Protein backbone atom coordinates (compact mmCIF):
# COMPACT_ATOMS: atom_id res chain seq x y z
CA MET A 1 107.69 116.67 126.87
CA MET A 2 108.72 119.55 124.66
CA GLN A 3 106.51 122.65 124.23
CA LYS A 4 104.49 122.70 120.99
CA ARG A 5 105.10 125.73 118.77
CA SER A 6 102.16 125.28 116.38
CA GLU A 7 98.64 123.89 116.51
CA PHE A 8 98.30 123.96 112.71
CA HIS A 9 98.20 120.21 112.17
CA PHE A 10 95.65 117.42 112.05
CA ARG A 11 94.42 116.11 115.42
CA TYR A 12 92.26 113.19 116.44
CA PRO A 13 89.23 114.15 118.56
CA PRO A 14 90.11 113.99 122.28
CA ASN A 15 87.11 111.74 122.99
CA ILE A 16 87.65 109.32 120.10
CA HIS A 17 88.00 106.50 122.63
CA GLU A 18 84.24 106.77 123.28
CA LEU A 19 83.40 105.52 119.78
CA ASP A 20 82.57 101.88 119.18
CA LEU A 21 85.04 100.04 116.95
CA ALA A 22 82.86 100.03 113.83
CA THR A 23 82.27 103.80 114.01
CA MET A 24 85.95 104.51 114.71
CA VAL A 25 87.08 102.38 111.76
CA SER A 26 84.50 103.99 109.47
CA MET A 27 85.50 107.52 110.49
CA TYR A 28 89.20 106.71 110.27
CA ARG A 29 88.85 105.18 106.80
CA SER A 30 86.84 108.13 105.45
CA ARG A 31 89.12 110.91 106.73
CA GLY A 32 90.19 113.19 103.91
CA GLU A 33 87.23 112.32 101.72
CA PRO A 34 85.70 115.20 99.77
CA ARG A 35 82.14 115.96 100.86
CA LYS A 36 79.48 117.98 99.04
CA ALA A 37 77.00 120.07 100.99
CA SER A 38 73.31 119.39 100.47
CA PRO A 39 71.49 121.85 98.18
CA GLY A 40 71.07 125.17 99.99
CA GLN A 41 73.61 124.12 102.66
CA TYR A 42 77.27 125.00 103.17
CA PHE A 43 80.23 123.77 105.14
CA ALA A 44 82.57 126.12 106.99
CA CYS A 45 86.31 125.53 106.99
CA SER A 46 87.33 124.97 110.62
CA ILE A 47 90.45 127.13 110.14
CA THR A 48 89.45 129.95 107.79
CA GLN A 49 85.71 129.90 108.66
CA GLU A 50 84.95 130.41 104.95
CA LEU A 51 81.73 128.90 103.64
CA MET A 52 82.04 126.35 100.85
CA LYS A 53 79.99 123.81 98.92
CA GLU A 54 82.74 121.14 98.94
CA ALA A 55 85.18 120.33 101.71
CA LYS A 56 87.59 117.68 102.99
CA TRP A 57 86.24 115.76 105.97
CA TRP A 58 88.22 114.88 109.12
CA PHE A 59 86.29 113.24 111.99
CA GLY A 60 83.32 115.59 111.65
CA VAL A 61 85.44 118.69 110.94
CA TYR A 62 85.65 120.29 107.51
CA TYR A 63 88.60 121.90 105.73
CA SER A 64 88.81 123.75 102.44
CA GLN A 65 91.04 122.03 99.88
CA SER A 66 93.70 124.75 100.20
CA THR A 67 93.71 124.53 104.02
CA TRP A 68 93.93 120.72 103.81
CA ASP A 69 96.88 120.98 101.42
CA ASN A 70 98.61 123.47 103.74
CA MET A 71 98.10 121.18 106.75
CA LEU A 72 99.85 118.29 105.01
CA THR A 73 103.45 118.23 106.18
CA LYS A 74 106.68 117.96 104.23
CA GLY A 75 107.60 114.34 103.59
CA SER A 76 104.07 113.09 104.38
CA GLU A 77 103.38 112.24 100.72
CA GLY A 78 99.75 113.30 101.21
CA TYR A 79 99.23 111.33 104.43
CA PRO A 80 97.54 113.50 107.10
CA LEU A 81 99.97 113.18 110.03
CA THR A 82 99.10 114.04 113.64
CA ASP A 83 101.04 114.10 116.90
CA ILE A 84 100.03 110.43 117.30
CA GLU A 85 101.85 109.43 114.10
CA LEU A 86 104.79 111.47 115.42
CA ASN A 87 104.70 109.29 118.58
CA VAL A 88 104.48 106.07 116.59
CA LEU A 89 107.22 106.93 114.08
CA GLY A 90 109.38 108.55 116.78
CA SER A 91 109.19 105.62 119.18
CA VAL A 92 110.35 103.31 116.38
CA TYR A 93 113.05 105.77 115.25
CA ILE A 94 114.71 106.09 118.67
CA THR A 95 114.95 102.30 119.11
CA GLU A 96 116.52 101.55 115.72
CA ASP A 97 119.40 99.46 117.18
CA GLU A 98 116.80 97.14 118.68
CA PRO A 99 113.49 97.41 116.78
CA PRO A 100 110.45 97.61 119.07
CA HIS A 101 107.59 95.15 118.90
CA ARG A 102 104.33 96.36 117.41
CA GLU A 103 102.54 95.92 120.75
CA TYR A 104 104.99 98.31 122.48
CA VAL A 105 104.56 100.91 119.73
CA GLU A 106 100.76 100.71 119.90
CA LYS A 107 100.72 100.97 123.72
CA ASN A 108 102.90 104.11 123.65
CA SER A 109 101.09 105.84 120.78
CA GLY A 110 98.81 107.98 122.95
CA VAL A 111 95.49 106.62 121.64
CA THR A 112 93.40 103.50 122.21
CA ASP A 113 94.87 100.18 121.10
CA LYS A 114 92.22 99.87 118.36
CA LEU A 115 93.08 103.22 116.79
CA ALA A 116 96.82 102.62 117.24
CA TYR A 117 96.42 99.32 115.37
CA LEU A 118 94.80 101.15 112.42
CA ILE A 119 97.50 103.85 112.44
CA VAL A 120 100.39 101.36 112.47
CA ASN A 121 98.77 99.41 109.62
CA ASP A 122 98.36 102.59 107.57
CA LEU A 123 101.93 103.73 108.24
CA ARG A 124 103.08 100.28 107.07
CA SER A 125 100.94 100.30 103.93
CA PHE A 126 102.15 103.82 103.15
CA GLY A 127 105.76 102.62 103.34
CA PHE A 128 106.74 104.62 106.45
CA LEU A 129 107.24 101.50 108.60
CA ASP A 130 108.38 97.92 107.93
CA GLU A 131 107.19 95.04 110.09
CA ASP A 132 108.86 91.64 110.13
CA ASP A 133 107.09 88.29 110.60
CA SER A 134 107.66 88.44 114.38
CA GLY A 135 105.99 91.86 114.74
CA PHE A 136 109.15 93.95 115.15
CA ILE A 137 108.97 97.33 113.44
CA ARG A 138 111.59 99.50 111.74
CA ILE A 139 111.21 102.98 110.30
CA THR A 140 111.97 103.43 106.59
CA PRO A 141 113.79 106.41 105.01
CA ARG A 142 110.35 107.64 103.85
CA GLY A 143 109.15 107.30 107.44
CA GLU A 144 112.08 109.39 108.69
CA LYS A 145 111.19 112.17 106.23
CA ALA A 146 107.56 112.06 107.36
CA LEU A 147 108.63 112.08 111.04
CA ASN A 148 110.85 115.12 110.56
CA GLY A 149 108.10 116.87 108.57
CA ILE A 150 105.50 116.57 111.34
CA ALA A 151 108.13 117.39 114.00
CA ARG A 152 109.00 120.60 112.16
CA ARG A 153 105.33 121.52 111.82
CA ILE A 154 104.54 121.07 115.51
CA TYR A 155 107.88 121.94 117.17
CA GLU A 156 109.68 123.91 114.42
CA LYS A 157 112.71 121.59 114.51
CA ARG A 158 113.82 118.12 113.44
CA PHE A 159 112.63 115.22 115.54
CA LEU A 160 114.09 114.90 119.05
CA PRO A 161 113.19 112.21 121.62
CA GLU A 162 111.81 114.95 123.96
CA MET A 163 108.90 115.33 121.51
CA LEU A 164 107.57 111.89 122.40
CA ARG A 165 104.62 111.65 124.73
CA SER A 166 106.31 108.82 126.64
CA TYR A 167 109.60 110.73 127.02
CA THR A 168 111.08 111.03 130.49
CA PRO A 169 114.33 112.82 131.35
CA GLU A 170 115.72 109.46 132.56
CA ASP A 171 115.72 108.42 128.90
CA GLU A 172 118.60 110.81 128.28
CA PRO A 173 122.02 109.17 128.13
CA LYS A 174 124.07 109.92 131.22
CA ILE A 175 127.44 111.58 130.73
CA GLU A 176 129.74 110.52 133.48
CA GLN A 177 132.25 113.04 134.72
CA ALA A 178 135.77 111.97 135.50
CA GLN A 179 136.48 111.87 139.20
CA LYS A 180 139.48 113.72 140.62
CA SER A 181 141.95 111.40 142.18
CA ASP A 182 142.76 111.99 145.87
CA ASP A 183 146.50 112.15 145.28
CA SER A 184 146.23 115.37 143.32
CA GLN A 185 149.48 117.17 142.60
CA LYS A 186 150.27 120.28 144.64
CA SER A 187 150.13 123.49 142.68
CA LEU A 188 153.50 125.06 141.96
CA PHE A 189 151.99 128.52 141.70
């Protein structure tokens, strides 16, 4: 896997798998919602540490509106992309000749099946992925823009297969070298 160059992007909590399904769905659905602090209380932006009365909410973490806007990536159309969405979009992108099945994409996302299911549904409803009646998924042109946007944010370059969590060097195409024939010509020099 390629070395990350920036941590300035949205991330799911590392222990999100511990949540029950109802809590996970609720938290996932309310990410990005504006929250108002109770009277006499304040929120602190997790990046700038500035105190504020209103903030955007992300799985228990708060961001100022300007920080939230800056964390959104080019081509995301306002969708808060993480490295997990990069895995989902990227795994579909690299198998374009033969679209992968939804189950494969969810299994290789890097999160629990339940959360992966929600993410794939959202990416579909946002127009980044298309799914046929048999469950095979293709990336859309909008999805490619979103994929390259999050890849640039995290790795500072366009998407490459090495950015995928499931990437292994064996995935690289092999370039065969021509073999010298045994009856090589004698040098005249």
